């Protein structure tokens, strides 16, 4: 889990309608990330289920994104943060997420592009913004953007709804997203680290 992704999830939690239950896929907190990678505090008093393909810190249920053993339209919101690059059949995974999401359900996806090869347990893909747009075609609404060098960004993000989100939520999200993007586009030595 990277700090910029945690901050993006916080913005989503504070601006978007979050239906329950919330399922995070890729919730295993790998060595060195215990506690830091926990997204539950951004969703207080909400049902939150951490899922991964193996047990460990942060994992409540073992589920495989290729075949999610949950009923159709049974999940309110899904988070897949910096995980899709580790999913061999990512299009199948997004189809499964679409199936389990309730009408008007929310999906948040993030992934690396300009980033070193890393395991957990395998590293298959790097996504462009166009790649995320293609993956999110089944959704009624989607927003995709990137952070970093426009020609070779370090991060790609996507927000999608199975239905249409409230306009006021999108407006507030976009306002905060633009500030988030500007901050993370700034070289670290030039960032203001105020509270």
Protein backbone atom coordinates (compact mmCIF):
# COMPACT_ATOMS: atom_id res chain seq x y z
CA UNK A 1 0.00 0.00 0.00
CA UNK A 2 1.33 3.39 -0.96
CA UNK A 3 0.52 6.59 0.92
CA UNK A 4 -1.02 8.24 -2.13
CA UNK A 5 -3.47 5.33 -2.47
CA UNK A 6 -4.49 5.60 1.17
CA UNK A 7 -5.17 9.31 0.64
CA UNK A 8 -7.23 8.57 -2.48
CA UNK A 9 -9.34 6.01 -0.59
CA UNK A 10 -9.89 8.61 2.16
CA UNK A 11 -11.19 11.08 -0.44
CA UNK A 12 -13.52 8.45 -1.91
CA UNK A 13 -14.79 7.52 1.58
CA UNK A 14 -15.53 11.16 2.40
CA UNK A 15 -17.16 12.17 -0.89
CA UNK A 16 -18.82 9.18 -2.54
CA UNK A 17 -21.90 7.21 -1.48
CA UNK A 18 -20.45 4.05 0.09
CA UNK A 19 -22.88 1.14 0.06
CA UNK A 20 -22.32 -1.82 2.36
CA UNK A 21 -20.86 -4.31 2.67
CA UNK A 22 -17.48 -3.01 1.51
CA UNK A 23 -15.15 -5.69 0.11
CA UNK A 24 -11.45 -4.99 -0.31
CA UNK A 25 -9.69 -7.44 -2.63
CA UNK A 26 -5.95 -7.61 -2.09
CA UNK A 27 -6.23 -6.80 1.61
CA UNK A 28 -3.30 -8.95 2.75
CA UNK A 29 -0.95 -6.71 4.69
CA UNK A 30 2.43 -7.96 3.49
CA UNK A 31 5.49 -7.86 5.79
CA UNK A 32 6.32 -4.27 6.65
CA UNK A 33 2.79 -3.09 5.80
CA UNK A 34 0.95 -4.44 8.86
CA UNK A 35 -1.39 -1.76 10.15
CA UNK A 36 -0.28 0.83 7.60
CA UNK A 37 -2.18 -0.90 4.78
CA UNK A 38 -5.43 -1.16 6.77
CA UNK A 39 -8.19 0.80 5.01
CA UNK A 40 -10.89 0.01 7.60
CA UNK A 41 -10.39 3.26 9.57
CA UNK A 42 -11.65 5.24 6.54
CA UNK A 43 -15.02 3.47 6.81
CA UNK A 44 -15.99 3.68 10.50
CA UNK A 45 -19.16 1.84 11.53
CA UNK A 46 -19.45 0.21 8.11
CA UNK A 47 -19.30 -3.50 7.33
CA UNK A 48 -15.83 -4.05 5.82
CA UNK A 49 -14.50 -7.40 4.59
CA UNK A 50 -10.83 -7.83 3.70
CA UNK A 51 -10.25 -10.50 1.03
CA UNK A 52 -7.20 -12.09 -0.54
CA UNK A 53 -6.12 -15.41 -2.06
CA UNK A 54 -4.27 -16.44 1.13
CA UNK A 55 -4.72 -15.82 4.82
CA UNK A 56 -2.76 -13.35 6.87
CA UNK A 57 -2.99 -9.91 8.48
CA UNK A 58 -5.93 -7.91 7.09
CA UNK A 59 -7.67 -10.93 5.53
CA UNK A 60 -11.17 -11.85 6.75
CA UNK A 61 -12.10 -14.11 3.81
CA UNK A 62 -10.16 -16.02 1.20
CA UNK A 63 -11.71 -15.21 -2.19
CA UNK A 64 -10.34 -15.42 -5.71
CA UNK A 65 -11.14 -12.51 -8.04
CA UNK A 66 -11.34 -14.93 -10.98
CA UNK A 67 -14.36 -16.65 -9.43
CA UNK A 68 -15.79 -14.72 -6.48
CA UNK A 69 -17.85 -17.08 -4.35
CA UNK A 70 -20.51 -14.48 -3.51
CA UNK A 71 -24.07 -14.10 -4.78
CA UNK A 72 -24.79 -11.65 -7.58
CA UNK A 73 -25.65 -8.11 -6.43
CA UNK A 74 -24.63 -8.84 -2.82
CA UNK A 75 -21.81 -6.28 -2.34
CA UNK A 76 -22.18 -2.52 -1.98
CA UNK A 77 -18.63 -1.28 -2.67
CA UNK A 78 -15.38 -2.87 -3.87
CA UNK A 79 -11.81 -1.65 -3.43
CA UNK A 80 -9.00 -3.17 -5.54
CA UNK A 81 -6.01 -1.02 -4.69
CA UNK A 82 -2.63 -1.79 -6.27
CA UNK A 83 -3.75 -5.40 -6.78
CA UNK A 84 -4.85 -5.81 -10.42
CA UNK A 85 -1.27 -6.06 -11.62
CA UNK A 86 -1.14 -9.33 -9.62
CA UNK A 87 -4.35 -10.77 -11.12
CA UNK A 88 -3.66 -13.00 -14.11
CA UNK A 89 -7.09 -12.65 -15.74
CA UNK A 90 -7.93 -9.05 -14.85
CA UNK A 91 -10.86 -8.71 -17.31
CA UNK A 92 -12.52 -11.79 -15.76
CA UNK A 93 -11.93 -10.27 -12.32
CA UNK A 94 -13.67 -7.01 -13.26
CA UNK A 95 -16.58 -8.98 -14.78
CA UNK A 96 -16.91 -10.84 -11.47
CA UNK A 97 -16.84 -7.58 -9.51
CA UNK A 98 -19.55 -6.15 -11.77
CA UNK A 99 -21.65 -9.27 -11.12
CA UNK A 100 -21.41 -9.09 -7.31
CA UNK A 101 -21.99 -5.31 -7.06
CA UNK A 102 -25.45 -4.08 -6.18
CA UNK A 103 -27.18 -1.59 -8.47
CA UNK A 104 -25.43 1.77 -7.88
CA UNK A 105 -22.49 -0.09 -6.30
CA UNK A 106 -19.05 1.54 -6.35
CA UNK A 107 -15.72 0.15 -7.57
CA UNK A 108 -12.34 1.79 -6.88
CA UNK A 109 -9.30 0.43 -8.72
CA UNK A 110 -5.69 1.60 -8.66
CA UNK A 111 -2.54 0.18 -10.14
CA UNK A 112 1.05 1.01 -10.84
CA UNK A 113 2.49 1.73 -14.27
CA UNK A 114 6.01 3.13 -13.92
CA UNK A 115 6.98 0.81 -11.08
CA UNK A 116 9.45 -2.02 -10.44
CA UNK A 117 8.45 -5.69 -10.68
CA UNK A 118 7.15 -6.90 -7.33
CA UNK A 119 5.70 -10.24 -6.22
CA UNK A 120 2.73 -10.94 -3.88
CA UNK A 121 2.69 -13.61 -5.33
CA UNK A 122 3.14 -12.71 -9.03
CA UNK A 123 3.36 -9.50 -11.06
CA UNK A 124 1.62 -9.80 -14.45
CA UNK A 125 0.60 -6.37 -15.77
CA UNK A 126 1.09 -2.63 -16.06
CA UNK A 127 -2.00 -0.59 -16.95
CA UNK A 128 -2.37 2.57 -18.98
CA UNK A 129 -5.35 4.88 -18.44
CA UNK A 130 -6.82 3.49 -21.69
CA UNK A 131 -6.44 -0.01 -20.27
CA UNK A 132 -8.49 0.96 -17.21
CA UNK A 133 -11.11 2.61 -19.43
CA UNK A 134 -11.41 -0.64 -21.36
CA UNK A 135 -11.74 -2.71 -18.16
CA UNK A 136 -14.48 -0.41 -16.82
CA UNK A 137 -16.68 -0.46 -19.97
CA UNK A 138 -19.39 -2.65 -18.33
CA UNK A 139 -20.12 0.09 -15.77
CA UNK A 140 -22.75 2.80 -16.26
CA UNK A 141 -20.32 5.49 -15.05
CA UNK A 142 -16.54 5.50 -14.87
CA UNK A 143 -13.74 7.97 -14.33
CA UNK A 144 -10.08 7.18 -15.08
CA UNK A 145 -6.99 9.32 -14.61
CA UNK A 146 -3.30 8.97 -13.89
CA UNK A 147 -0.64 10.54 -11.70
CA UNK A 148 2.91 11.35 -12.69
CA UNK A 149 4.42 11.95 -16.11
CA UNK A 150 1.50 12.12 -18.55
CA UNK A 151 3.38 9.86 -21.00
CA UNK A 152 4.54 7.38 -18.34
CA UNK A 153 2.56 7.83 -15.10
CA UNK A 154 3.47 6.05 -11.90
CA UNK A 155 -0.17 5.42 -10.94
CA UNK A 156 -3.48 4.84 -12.74
CA UNK A 157 -6.81 5.16 -10.91
CA UNK A 158 -10.39 4.33 -11.78
CA UNK A 159 -13.74 4.94 -10.10
CA UNK A 160 -16.84 3.21 -11.46
CA UNK A 161 -20.50 2.87 -10.55
CA UNK A 162 -22.85 0.13 -11.64
CA UNK A 163 -25.48 2.87 -11.81
CA UNK A 164 -25.19 6.65 -11.91
CA UNK A 165 -23.62 8.46 -8.94
CA UNK A 166 -25.16 11.60 -7.43
CA UNK A 167 -23.80 14.70 -9.21
CA UNK A 168 -22.92 16.46 -5.96
CA UNK A 169 -20.76 13.50 -4.89
CA UNK A 170 -18.90 13.49 -8.20
CA UNK A 171 -18.36 17.26 -8.03
CA UNK A 172 -16.91 17.11 -4.52
CA UNK A 173 -14.78 14.08 -5.40
CA UNK A 174 -13.39 15.80 -8.52
CA UNK A 175 -12.51 18.94 -6.56
CA UNK A 176 -10.56 16.94 -3.97
CA UNK A 177 -9.13 14.56 -6.60
CA UNK A 178 -7.60 17.48 -8.52
CA UNK A 179 -5.83 18.71 -5.36
CA UNK A 180 -4.67 15.15 -4.60
CA UNK A 181 -3.34 14.71 -8.13
CA UNK A 182 -1.53 18.06 -8.06
CA UNK A 183 0.12 17.13 -4.76
CA UNK A 184 1.31 13.70 -5.98
CA UNK A 185 2.43 15.10 -9.35
CA UNK A 186 4.80 17.43 -7.49
CA UNK A 187 8.31 16.05 -6.99
CA UNK A 188 8.77 14.93 -3.35
CA UNK A 189 11.40 17.58 -2.62
CA UNK A 190 8.91 20.33 -3.64
CA UNK A 191 5.85 19.05 -1.73
CA UNK A 192 4.47 21.01 1.18
CA UNK A 193 4.21 18.54 4.09
CA UNK A 194 1.85 20.62 6.24
CA UNK A 195 -0.82 19.11 8.48
